[in-house]
Amino acid sequence: MAELLAAQEIDERLGALEDWHRDGDMIVRDVECKDFAAAIAAVNAVAAVAEEADHHPDILVHGWNKLRLSVTNHSAGGLTQADFDLAARLDRLPAIQQR
């Protein structure tokens, strides 16, 4: 099982992620896409990375062009290094970068 991070470790790692914030035992990023089709394309891009990493975020599509990505390690019961690794990988996706 992955090792849970202490609060200070979480804060340090969040400092390296520009658009993420902590929400309880999750890190969260809101993304605004140019339109609905771009939002769905972003969901598909996130899904591909998540499958490859075998680490799956919660994805909420809302409005006509907005996403909320929420990452936590459900099996560990909180935040681990794997969550921050996934967030960093998601940040590199062109579909997430466009606004």
PDB file of N, CA and C in Angstrom:
ATOM      1  N   MET A   1       0.849  -1.182   0.000  1.00  0.00           N
ATOM      2  CA  MET A   1       0.000   0.000   0.000  1.00  0.00           C
ATOM      3  C   MET A   1       0.890   1.239   0.000  1.00  0.00           C
ATOM      4  N   ALA A   2       0.458   2.260  -0.700  1.00  0.00           N
ATOM      5  CA  ALA A   2       1.208   3.505  -0.795  1.00  0.00           C
ATOM      6  C   ALA A   2       1.201   4.238   0.546  1.00  0.00           C
ATOM      7  N   GLU A   3       2.276   4.950   0.797  1.00  0.00           N
ATOM      8  CA  GLU A   3       2.420   5.675   2.064  1.00  0.00           C
ATOM      9  C   GLU A   3       1.728   7.030   1.981  1.00  0.00           C
ATOM     10  N   LEU A   4       0.885   7.314   2.968  1.00  0.00           N
ATOM     11  CA  LEU A   4       0.208   8.611   3.022  1.00  0.00           C
ATOM     12  C   LEU A   4       1.220   9.718   3.288  1.00  0.00           C
ATOM     13  N   LEU A   5       0.985  10.874   2.698  1.00  0.00           N
ATOM     14  CA  LEU A   5       1.847  12.028   2.902  1.00  0.00           C
ATOM     15  C   LEU A   5       1.370  12.840   4.097  1.00  0.00           C
ATOM     16  N   ALA A   6       2.315  13.412   4.815  1.00  0.00           N
ATOM     17  CA  ALA A   6       1.995  14.309   5.929  1.00  0.00           C
ATOM     18  C   ALA A   6       1.554  15.659   5.364  1.00  0.00           C
ATOM     19  N   ALA A   7       0.883  16.455   6.178  1.00  0.00           N
ATOM     20  CA  ALA A   7       0.359  17.749   5.735  1.00  0.00           C
ATOM     21  C   ALA A   7       1.447  18.631   5.134  1.00  0.00           C
ATOM     22  N   GLN A   8       2.616  18.672   5.740  1.00  0.00           N
ATOM     23  CA  GLN A   8       3.707  19.503   5.222  1.00  0.00           C
ATOM     24  C   GLN A   8       4.168  19.006   3.851  1.00  0.00           C
ATOM     25  N   GLU A   9       4.237  17.697   3.685  1.00  0.00           N
ATOM     26  CA  GLU A   9       4.632  17.128   2.394  1.00  0.00           C
ATOM     27  C   GLU A   9       3.600  17.466   1.315  1.00  0.00           C
ATOM     28  N   ILE A  10       2.330  17.427   1.678  1.00  0.00           N
ATOM     29  CA  ILE A  10       1.264  17.769   0.741  1.00  0.00           C
ATOM     30  C   ILE A  10       1.393  19.229   0.317  1.00  0.00           C
ATOM     31  N   ASP A  11       1.597  20.119   1.285  1.00  0.00           N
ATOM     32  CA  ASP A  11       1.748  21.540   0.984  1.00  0.00           C
ATOM     33  C   ASP A  11       2.941  21.793   0.072  1.00  0.00           C
ATOM     34  N   GLU A  12       4.052  21.106   0.322  1.00  0.00           N
ATOM     35  CA  GLU A  12       5.242  21.267  -0.513  1.00  0.00           C
ATOM     36  C   GLU A  12       4.960  20.826  -1.948  1.00  0.00           C
ATOM     37  N   ARG A  13       4.292  19.710  -2.104  1.00  0.00           N
ATOM     38  CA  ARG A  13       4.008  19.201  -3.441  1.00  0.00           C
ATOM     39  C   ARG A  13       2.982  20.071  -4.166  1.00  0.00           C
ATOM     40  N   LEU A  14       2.013  20.587  -3.418  1.00  0.00           N
ATOM     41  CA  LEU A  14       1.035  21.486  -4.034  1.00  0.00           C
ATOM     42  C   LEU A  14       1.696  22.752  -4.556  1.00  0.00           C
ATOM     43  N   GLY A  15       2.761  23.193  -3.896  1.00  0.00           N
ATOM     44  CA  GLY A  15       3.486  24.372  -4.344  1.00  0.00           C
ATOM     45  C   GLY A  15       4.074  24.207  -5.731  1.00  0.00           C
ATOM     46  N   ALA A  16       4.324  22.980  -6.134  1.00  0.00           N
ATOM     47  CA  ALA A  16       4.891  22.704  -7.463  1.00  0.00           C
ATOM     48  C   ALA A  16       3.811  22.547  -8.533  1.00  0.00           C
ATOM     49  N   LEU A  17       2.555  22.491  -8.129  1.00  0.00           N
ATOM     50  CA  LEU A  17       1.435  22.343  -9.067  1.00  0.00           C
ATOM     51  C   LEU A  17       0.654  23.652  -9.098  1.00  0.00           C
ATOM     52  N   GLU A  18       0.725  24.327 -10.211  1.00  0.00           N
ATOM     53  CA  GLU A  18       0.174  25.679 -10.303  1.00  0.00           C
ATOM     54  C   GLU A  18      -1.335  25.767 -10.115  1.00  0.00           C
ATOM     55  N   ASP A  19      -2.085  24.881 -10.698  1.00  0.00           N
ATOM     56  CA  ASP A  19      -3.539  25.039 -10.743  1.00  0.00           C
ATOM     57  C   ASP A  19      -4.321  24.087  -9.839  1.00  0.00           C
ATOM     58  N   TRP A  20      -3.645  23.423  -8.937  1.00  0.00           N
ATOM     59  CA  TRP A  20      -4.304  22.458  -8.058  1.00  0.00           C
ATOM     60  C   TRP A  20      -4.438  23.044  -6.655  1.00  0.00           C
ATOM     61  N   HIS A  21      -5.486  22.611  -5.959  1.00  0.00           N
ATOM     62  CA  HIS A  21      -5.645  22.985  -4.550  1.00  0.00           C
ATOM     63  C   HIS A  21      -6.135  21.763  -3.777  1.00  0.00           C
ATOM     64  N   ARG A  22      -5.974  21.852  -2.487  1.00  0.00           N
ATOM     65  CA  ARG A  22      -6.391  20.736  -1.624  1.00  0.00           C
ATOM     66  C   ARG A  22      -7.845  20.918  -1.221  1.00  0.00           C
ATOM     67  N   ASP A  23      -8.556  19.813  -1.239  1.00  0.00           N
ATOM     68  CA  ASP A  23      -9.938  19.774  -0.761  1.00  0.00           C
ATOM     69  C   ASP A  23     -10.071  18.506   0.069  1.00  0.00           C
ATOM     70  N   GLY A  24      -9.821  18.623   1.353  1.00  0.00           N
ATOM     71  CA  GLY A  24      -9.842  17.454   2.239  1.00  0.00           C
ATOM     72  C   GLY A  24      -8.732  16.493   1.891  1.00  0.00           C
ATOM     73  N   ASP A  25      -9.096  15.249   1.585  1.00  0.00           N
ATOM     74  CA  ASP A  25      -8.124  14.215   1.235  1.00  0.00           C
ATOM     75  C   ASP A  25      -7.903  14.103  -0.274  1.00  0.00           C
ATOM     76  N   MET A  26      -8.233  15.175  -0.998  1.00  0.00           N
ATOM     77  CA  MET A  26      -8.061  15.175  -2.454  1.00  0.00           C
ATOM     78  C   MET A  26      -7.289  16.420  -2.880  1.00  0.00           C
ATOM     79  N   ILE A  27      -6.684  16.322  -4.062  1.00  0.00           N
ATOM     80  CA  ILE A  27      -6.234  17.529  -4.738  1.00  0.00           C
ATOM     81  C   ILE A  27      -7.141  17.713  -5.946  1.00  0.00           C
ATOM     82  N   VAL A  28      -7.458  18.964  -6.248  1.00  0.00           N
ATOM     83  CA  VAL A  28      -8.494  19.276  -7.215  1.00  0.00           C
ATOM     84  C   VAL A  28      -7.989  20.331  -8.191  1.00  0.00           C
ATOM     85  N   ARG A  29      -8.347  20.176  -9.443  1.00  0.00           N
ATOM     86  CA  ARG A  29      -8.072  21.187 -10.464  1.00  0.00           C
ATOM     87  C   ARG A  29      -9.324  21.409 -11.286  1.00  0.00           C
ATOM     88  N   ASP A  30      -9.674  22.676 -11.473  1.00  0.00           N
ATOM     89  CA  ASP A  30     -10.772  23.055 -12.347  1.00  0.00           C
ATOM     90  C   ASP A  30     -10.183  23.484 -13.686  1.00  0.00           C
ATOM     91  N   VAL A  31     -10.817  23.039 -14.754  1.00  0.00           N
ATOM     92  CA  VAL A  31     -10.345  23.322 -16.108  1.00  0.00           C
ATOM     93  C   VAL A  31     -11.512  23.891 -16.898  1.00  0.00           C
ATOM     94  N   GLU A  32     -11.258  24.969 -17.620  1.00  0.00           N
ATOM     95  CA  GLU A  32     -12.262  25.524 -18.523  1.00  0.00           C
ATOM     96  C   GLU A  32     -11.778  25.308 -19.948  1.00  0.00           C
ATOM     97  N   CYS A  33     -12.572  24.625 -20.726  1.00  0.00           N
ATOM     98  CA  CYS A  33     -12.240  24.316 -22.117  1.00  0.00           C
ATOM     99  C   CYS A  33     -12.958  25.286 -23.046  1.00  0.00           C
ATOM    100  N   LYS A  34     -12.569  25.267 -24.324  1.00  0.00           N
ATOM    101  CA  LYS A  34     -13.160  26.233 -25.259  1.00  0.00           C
ATOM    102  C   LYS A  34     -14.618  25.922 -25.579  1.00  0.00           C
ATOM    103  N   ASP A  35     -15.001  24.642 -25.496  1.00  0.00           N
ATOM    104  CA  ASP A  35     -16.391  24.264 -25.764  1.00  0.00           C
ATOM    105  C   ASP A  35     -16.627  22.856 -25.238  1.00  0.00           C
ATOM    106  N   PHE A  36     -17.842  22.364 -25.435  1.00  0.00           N
ATOM    107  CA  PHE A  36     -18.205  21.046 -24.927  1.00  0.00           C
ATOM    108  C   PHE A  36     -17.364  19.944 -25.555  1.00  0.00           C
ATOM    109  N   ALA A  37     -17.143  20.017 -26.855  1.00  0.00           N
ATOM    110  CA  ALA A  37     -16.345  18.988 -27.531  1.00  0.00           C
ATOM    111  C   ALA A  37     -14.924  18.952 -26.973  1.00  0.00           C
ATOM    112  N   ALA A  38     -14.360  20.110 -26.684  1.00  0.00           N
ATOM    113  CA  ALA A  38     -13.015  20.165 -26.109  1.00  0.00           C
ATOM    114  C   ALA A  38     -13.004  19.587 -24.693  1.00  0.00           C
ATOM    115  N   ALA A  39     -14.070  19.803 -23.944  1.00  0.00           N
ATOM    116  CA  ALA A  39     -14.164  19.237 -22.596  1.00  0.00           C
ATOM    117  C   ALA A  39     -14.192  17.711 -22.655  1.00  0.00           C
ATOM    118  N   ILE A  40     -14.947  17.168 -23.585  1.00  0.00           N
ATOM    119  CA  ILE A  40     -15.027  15.708 -23.719  1.00  0.00           C
ATOM    120  C   ILE A  40     -13.706  15.148 -24.221  1.00  0.00           C
ATOM    121  N   ALA A  41     -13.045  15.860 -25.125  1.00  0.00           N
ATOM    122  CA  ALA A  41     -11.715  15.430 -25.584  1.00  0.00           C
ATOM    123  C   ALA A  41     -10.733  15.421 -24.412  1.00  0.00           C
ATOM    124  N   ALA A  42     -10.841  16.400 -23.524  1.00  0.00           N
ATOM    125  CA  ALA A  42      -9.975  16.437 -22.345  1.00  0.00           C
ATOM    126  C   ALA A  42     -10.258  15.252 -21.428  1.00  0.00           C
ATOM    127  N   VAL A  43     -11.537  14.902 -21.260  1.00  0.00           N
ATOM    128  CA  VAL A  43     -11.901  13.728 -20.456  1.00  0.00           C
ATOM    129  C   VAL A  43     -11.244  12.481 -21.035  1.00  0.00           C
ATOM    130  N   ASN A  44     -11.309  12.326 -22.332  1.00  0.00           N
ATOM    131  CA  ASN A  44     -10.714  11.149 -22.975  1.00  0.00           C
ATOM    132  C   ASN A  44      -9.196  11.132 -22.805  1.00  0.00           C
ATOM    133  N   ALA A  45      -8.556  12.293 -22.884  1.00  0.00           N
ATOM    134  CA  ALA A  45      -7.104  12.371 -22.685  1.00  0.00           C
ATOM    135  C   ALA A  45      -6.741  12.019 -21.246  1.00  0.00           C
ATOM    136  N   VAL A  46      -7.502  12.529 -20.294  1.00  0.00           N
ATOM    137  CA  VAL A  46      -7.277  12.201 -18.878  1.00  0.00           C
ATOM    138  C   VAL A  46      -7.469  10.704 -18.659  1.00  0.00           C
ATOM    139  N   ALA A  47      -8.507  10.131 -19.253  1.00  0.00           N
ATOM    140  CA  ALA A  47      -8.786   8.702 -19.093  1.00  0.00           C
ATOM    141  C   ALA A  47      -7.632   7.851 -19.605  1.00  0.00           C
ATOM    142  N   ALA A  48      -7.035   8.245 -20.723  1.00  0.00           N
ATOM    143  CA  ALA A  48      -5.921   7.473 -21.281  1.00  0.00           C
ATOM    144  C   ALA A  48      -4.724   7.488 -20.341  1.00  0.00           C
ATOM    145  N   VAL A  49      -4.412   8.648 -19.796  1.00  0.00           N
ATOM    146  CA  VAL A  49      -3.289   8.745 -18.846  1.00  0.00           C
ATOM    147  C   VAL A  49      -3.607   7.958 -17.578  1.00  0.00           C
ATOM    148  N   ALA A  50      -4.829   8.071 -17.089  1.00  0.00           N
ATOM    149  CA  ALA A  50      -5.230   7.365 -15.869  1.00  0.00           C
ATOM    150  C   ALA A  50      -5.130   5.852 -16.038  1.00  0.00           C
ATOM    151  N   GLU A  51      -5.567   5.354 -17.180  1.00  0.00           N
ATOM    152  CA  GLU A  51      -5.475   3.915 -17.435  1.00  0.00           C
ATOM    153  C   GLU A  51      -4.017   3.468 -17.466  1.00  0.00           C
ATOM    154  N   GLU A  52      -3.176   4.243 -18.136  1.00  0.00           N
ATOM    155  CA  GLU A  52      -1.759   3.900 -18.216  1.00  0.00           C
ATOM    156  C   GLU A  52      -1.113   3.892 -16.834  1.00  0.00           C
ATOM    157  N   ALA A  53      -1.514   4.840 -15.988  1.00  0.00           N
ATOM    158  CA  ALA A  53      -0.950   4.944 -14.639  1.00  0.00           C
ATOM    159  C   ALA A  53      -1.633   3.997 -13.647  1.00  0.00           C
ATOM    160  N   ASP A  54      -2.763   3.415 -14.036  1.00  0.00           N
ATOM    161  CA  ASP A  54      -3.597   2.611 -13.144  1.00  0.00           C
ATOM    162  C   ASP A  54      -3.930   3.389 -11.872  1.00  0.00           C
ATOM    163  N   HIS A  55      -4.259   4.661 -12.093  1.00  0.00           N
ATOM    164  CA  HIS A  55      -4.631   5.571 -11.003  1.00  0.00           C
ATOM    165  C   HIS A  55      -5.684   6.522 -11.570  1.00  0.00           C
ATOM    166  N   HIS A  56      -6.890   6.474 -11.050  1.00  0.00           N
ATOM    167  CA  HIS A  56      -8.038   7.066 -11.716  1.00  0.00           C
ATOM    168  C   HIS A  56      -8.633   8.223 -10.916  1.00  0.00           C
ATOM    169  N   PRO A  57      -8.627   9.417 -11.496  1.00  0.00           N
ATOM    170  CA  PRO A  57      -9.234  10.562 -10.821  1.00  0.00           C
ATOM    171  C   PRO A  57     -10.755  10.543 -10.977  1.00  0.00           C
ATOM    172  N   ASP A  58     -11.420  11.278 -10.113  1.00  0.00           N
ATOM    173  CA  ASP A  58     -12.833  11.567 -10.334  1.00  0.00           C
ATOM    174  C   ASP A  58     -12.873  12.711 -11.343  1.00  0.00           C
ATOM    175  N   ILE A  59     -13.765  12.614 -12.318  1.00  0.00           N
ATOM    176  CA  ILE A  59     -13.891  13.625 -13.361  1.00  0.00           C
ATOM    177  C   ILE A  59     -15.343  14.087 -13.394  1.00  0.00           C
ATOM    178  N   LEU A  60     -15.534  15.374 -13.227  1.00  0.00           N
ATOM    179  CA  LEU A  60     -16.864  15.962 -13.301  1.00  0.00           C
ATOM    180  C   LEU A  60     -16.897  16.910 -14.493  1.00  0.00           C
ATOM    181  N   VAL A  61     -17.834  16.682 -15.401  1.00  0.00           N
ATOM    182  CA  VAL A  61     -18.090  17.608 -16.500  1.00  0.00           C
ATOM    183  C   VAL A  61     -19.301  18.433 -16.078  1.00  0.00           C
ATOM    184  N   HIS A  62     -19.148  19.738 -16.071  1.00  0.00           N
ATOM    185  CA  HIS A  62     -20.280  20.588 -15.685  1.00  0.00           C
ATOM    186  C   HIS A  62     -20.300  21.839 -16.545  1.00  0.00           C
ATOM    187  N   GLY A  63     -21.466  22.475 -16.551  1.00  0.00           N
ATOM    188  CA  GLY A  63     -21.620  23.563 -17.499  1.00  0.00           C
ATOM    189  C   GLY A  63     -21.482  22.981 -18.897  1.00  0.00           C
ATOM    190  N   TRP A  64     -21.112  23.757 -19.811  1.00  0.00           N
ATOM    191  CA  TRP A  64     -20.939  23.242 -21.169  1.00  0.00           C
ATOM    192  C   TRP A  64     -19.483  23.077 -21.535  1.00  0.00           C
ATOM    193  N   ASN A  65     -18.576  23.554 -20.665  1.00  0.00           N
ATOM    194  CA  ASN A  65     -17.170  23.508 -21.038  1.00  0.00           C
ATOM    195  C   ASN A  65     -16.221  23.388 -19.844  1.00  0.00           C
ATOM    196  N   LYS A  66     -16.704  22.912 -18.723  1.00  0.00           N
ATOM    197  CA  LYS A  66     -15.871  22.877 -17.520  1.00  0.00           C
ATOM    198  C   LYS A  66     -15.672  21.450 -17.014  1.00  0.00           C
ATOM    199  N   LEU A  67     -14.483  21.236 -16.472  1.00  0.00           N
ATOM    200  CA  LEU A  67     -14.135  19.963 -15.839  1.00  0.00           C
ATOM    201  C   LEU A  67     -13.628  20.230 -14.444  1.00  0.00           C
ATOM    202  N   ARG A  68     -13.850  19.290 -13.563  1.00  0.00           N
ATOM    203  CA  ARG A  68     -13.202  19.272 -12.256  1.00  0.00           C
ATOM    204  C   ARG A  68     -12.539  17.911 -12.126  1.00  0.00           C
ATOM    205  N   LEU A  69     -11.228  17.932 -11.916  1.00  0.00           N
ATOM    206  CA  LEU A  69     -10.445  16.718 -11.716  1.00  0.00           C
ATOM    207  C   LEU A  69     -10.123  16.607 -10.236  1.00  0.00           C
ATOM    208  N   SER A  70     -10.442  15.499  -9.626  1.00  0.00           N
ATOM    209  CA  SER A  70     -10.169  15.267  -8.205  1.00  0.00           C
ATOM    210  C   SER A  70      -9.354  13.996  -8.075  1.00  0.00           C
ATOM    211  N   VAL A  71      -8.212  14.105  -7.400  1.00  0.00           N
ATOM    212  CA  VAL A  71      -7.283  12.986  -7.298  1.00  0.00           C
ATOM    213  C   VAL A  71      -7.039  12.663  -5.831  1.00  0.00           C
ATOM    214  N   THR A  72      -7.133  11.393  -5.497  1.00  0.00           N
ATOM    215  CA  THR A  72      -6.784  10.882  -4.178  1.00  0.00           C
ATOM    216  C   THR A  72      -6.440   9.411  -4.341  1.00  0.00           C
ATOM    217  N   ASN A  73      -5.872   8.835  -3.324  1.00  0.00           N
ATOM    218  CA  ASN A  73      -5.558   7.415  -3.361  1.00  0.00           C
ATOM    219  C   ASN A  73      -6.572   6.714  -2.472  1.00  0.00           C
ATOM    220  N   HIS A  74      -7.639   6.221  -3.087  1.00  0.00           N
ATOM    221  CA  HIS A  74      -8.737   5.609  -2.323  1.00  0.00           C
ATOM    222  C   HIS A  74      -8.266   4.427  -1.488  1.00  0.00           C
ATOM    223  N   SER A  75      -7.404   3.594  -2.040  1.00  0.00           N
ATOM    224  CA  SER A  75      -6.981   2.404  -1.298  1.00  0.00           C
ATOM    225  C   SER A  75      -6.094   2.758  -0.116  1.00  0.00           C
ATOM    226  N   ALA A  76      -5.355   3.870  -0.203  1.00  0.00           N
ATOM    227  CA  ALA A  76      -4.501   4.292   0.908  1.00  0.00           C
ATOM    228  C   ALA A  76      -5.266   5.170   1.892  1.00  0.00           C
ATOM    229  N   GLY A  77      -6.392   5.717   1.466  1.00  0.00           N
ATOM    230  CA  GLY A  77      -7.199   6.545   2.358  1.00  0.00           C
ATOM    231  C   GLY A  77      -6.744   7.986   2.453  1.00  0.00           C
ATOM    232  N   GLY A  78      -6.118   8.505   1.410  1.00  0.00           N
ATOM    233  CA  GLY A  78      -5.672   9.901   1.437  1.00  0.00           C
ATOM    234  C   GLY A  78      -4.697  10.171   0.311  1.00  0.00           C
ATOM    235  N   LEU A  79      -3.878  11.181   0.501  1.00  0.00           N
ATOM    236  CA  LEU A  79      -2.950  11.617  -0.547  1.00  0.00           C
ATOM    237  C   LEU A  79      -1.592  10.941  -0.435  1.00  0.00           C
ATOM    238  N   THR A  80      -1.103  10.491  -1.590  1.00  0.00           N
ATOM    239  CA  THR A  80       0.199   9.835  -1.680  1.00  0.00           C
ATOM    240  C   THR A  80       0.992  10.481  -2.819  1.00  0.00           C
ATOM    241  N   GLN A  81       2.236  10.084  -2.957  1.00  0.00           N
ATOM    242  CA  GLN A  81       3.055  10.612  -4.044  1.00  0.00           C
ATOM    243  C   GLN A  81       2.428  10.296  -5.403  1.00  0.00           C
ATOM    244  N   ALA A  82       1.767   9.161  -5.519  1.00  0.00           N
ATOM    245  CA  ALA A  82       1.137   8.781  -6.787  1.00  0.00           C
ATOM    246  C   ALA A  82       0.107   9.817  -7.243  1.00  0.00           C
ATOM    247  N   ASP A  83      -0.574  10.462  -6.311  1.00  0.00           N
ATOM    248  CA  ASP A  83      -1.561  11.481  -6.658  1.00  0.00           C
ATOM    249  C   ASP A  83      -0.891  12.691  -7.304  1.00  0.00           C
ATOM    250  N   PHE A  84       0.226  13.096  -6.740  1.00  0.00           N
ATOM    251  CA  PHE A  84       0.942  14.246  -7.282  1.00  0.00           C
ATOM    252  C   PHE A  84       1.625  13.909  -8.599  1.00  0.00           C
ATOM    253  N   ASP A  85       2.079  12.679  -8.732  1.00  0.00           N
ATOM    254  CA  ASP A  85       2.650  12.240 -10.002  1.00  0.00           C
ATOM    255  C   ASP A  85       1.587  12.276 -11.098  1.00  0.00           C
ATOM    256  N   LEU A  86       0.387  11.788 -10.788  1.00  0.00           N
ATOM    257  CA  LEU A  86      -0.695  11.812 -11.764  1.00  0.00           C
ATOM    258  C   LEU A  86      -1.075  13.246 -12.111  1.00  0.00           C
ATOM    259  N   ALA A  87      -1.198  14.102 -11.115  1.00  0.00           N
ATOM    260  CA  ALA A  87      -1.553  15.500 -11.374  1.00  0.00           C
ATOM    261  C   ALA A  87      -0.537  16.156 -12.305  1.00  0.00           C
ATOM    262  N   ALA A  88       0.737  15.902 -12.075  1.00  0.00           N
ATOM    263  CA  ALA A  88       1.783  16.478 -12.933  1.00  0.00           C
ATOM    264  C   ALA A  88       1.658  15.957 -14.365  1.00  0.00           C
ATOM    265  N   ARG A  89       1.363  14.680 -14.520  1.00  0.00           N
ATOM    266  CA  ARG A  89       1.172  14.117 -15.861  1.00  0.00           C
ATOM    267  C   ARG A  89      -0.046  14.733 -16.549  1.00  0.00           C
ATOM    268  N   LEU A  90      -1.118  14.921 -15.805  1.00  0.00           N
ATOM    269  CA  LEU A  90      -2.322  15.520 -16.378  1.00  0.00           C
ATOM    270  C   LEU A  90      -2.066  16.959 -16.802  1.00  0.00           C
ATOM    271  N   ASP A  91      -1.278  17.677 -16.026  1.00  0.00           N
ATOM    272  CA  ASP A  91      -0.955  19.070 -16.361  1.00  0.00           C
ATOM    273  C   ASP A  91      -0.234  19.191 -17.698  1.00  0.00           C
ATOM    274  N   ARG A  92       0.457  18.161 -18.116  1.00  0.00           N
ATOM    275  CA  ARG A  92       1.201  18.196 -19.389  1.00  0.00           C
ATOM    276  C   ARG A  92       0.323  17.886 -20.603  1.00  0.00           C
ATOM    277  N   LEU A  93      -0.901  17.476 -20.386  1.00  0.00           N
ATOM    278  CA  LEU A  93      -1.797  17.169 -21.499  1.00  0.00           C
ATOM    279  C   LEU A  93      -2.200  18.439 -22.237  1.00  0.00           C
ATOM    280  N   PRO A  94      -2.019  18.491 -23.544  1.00  0.00           N
ATOM    281  CA  PRO A  94      -2.459  19.663 -24.292  1.00  0.00           C
ATOM    282  C   PRO A  94      -3.945  19.971 -24.089  1.00  0.00           C
ATOM    283  N   ALA A  95      -4.764  18.955 -23.953  1.00  0.00           N
ATOM    284  CA  ALA A  95      -6.203  19.155 -23.778  1.00  0.00           C
ATOM    285  C   ALA A  95      -6.528  19.845 -22.455  1.00  0.00           C
ATOM    286  N   ILE A  96      -5.651  19.721 -21.478  1.00  0.00           N
ATOM    287  CA  ILE A  96      -5.845  20.364 -20.176  1.00  0.00           C
ATOM    288  C   ILE A  96      -5.232  21.769 -20.189  1.00  0.00           C
ATOM    289  N   GLN A  97      -4.182  21.942 -20.940  1.00  0.00           N
ATOM    290  CA  GLN A  97      -3.476  23.219 -20.978  1.00  0.00           C
ATOM    291  C   GLN A  97      -4.264  24.296 -21.719  1.00  0.00           C
ATOM    292  N   GLN A  98      -5.034  23.907 -22.734  1.00  0.00           N
ATOM    293  CA  GLN A  98      -5.757  24.927 -23.506  1.00  0.00           C
ATOM    294  C   GLN A  98      -6.908  25.496 -22.684  1.00  0.00           C
ATOM    295  N   ARG A  99      -7.097  26.775 -22.835  1.00  0.00           N
ATOM    296  CA  ARG A  99      -8.163  27.429 -22.076  1.00  0.00           C
ATOM    297  C   ARG A  99      -8.883  28.423 -22.938  1.00  0.00           C
TER     298      ARG A  99
END
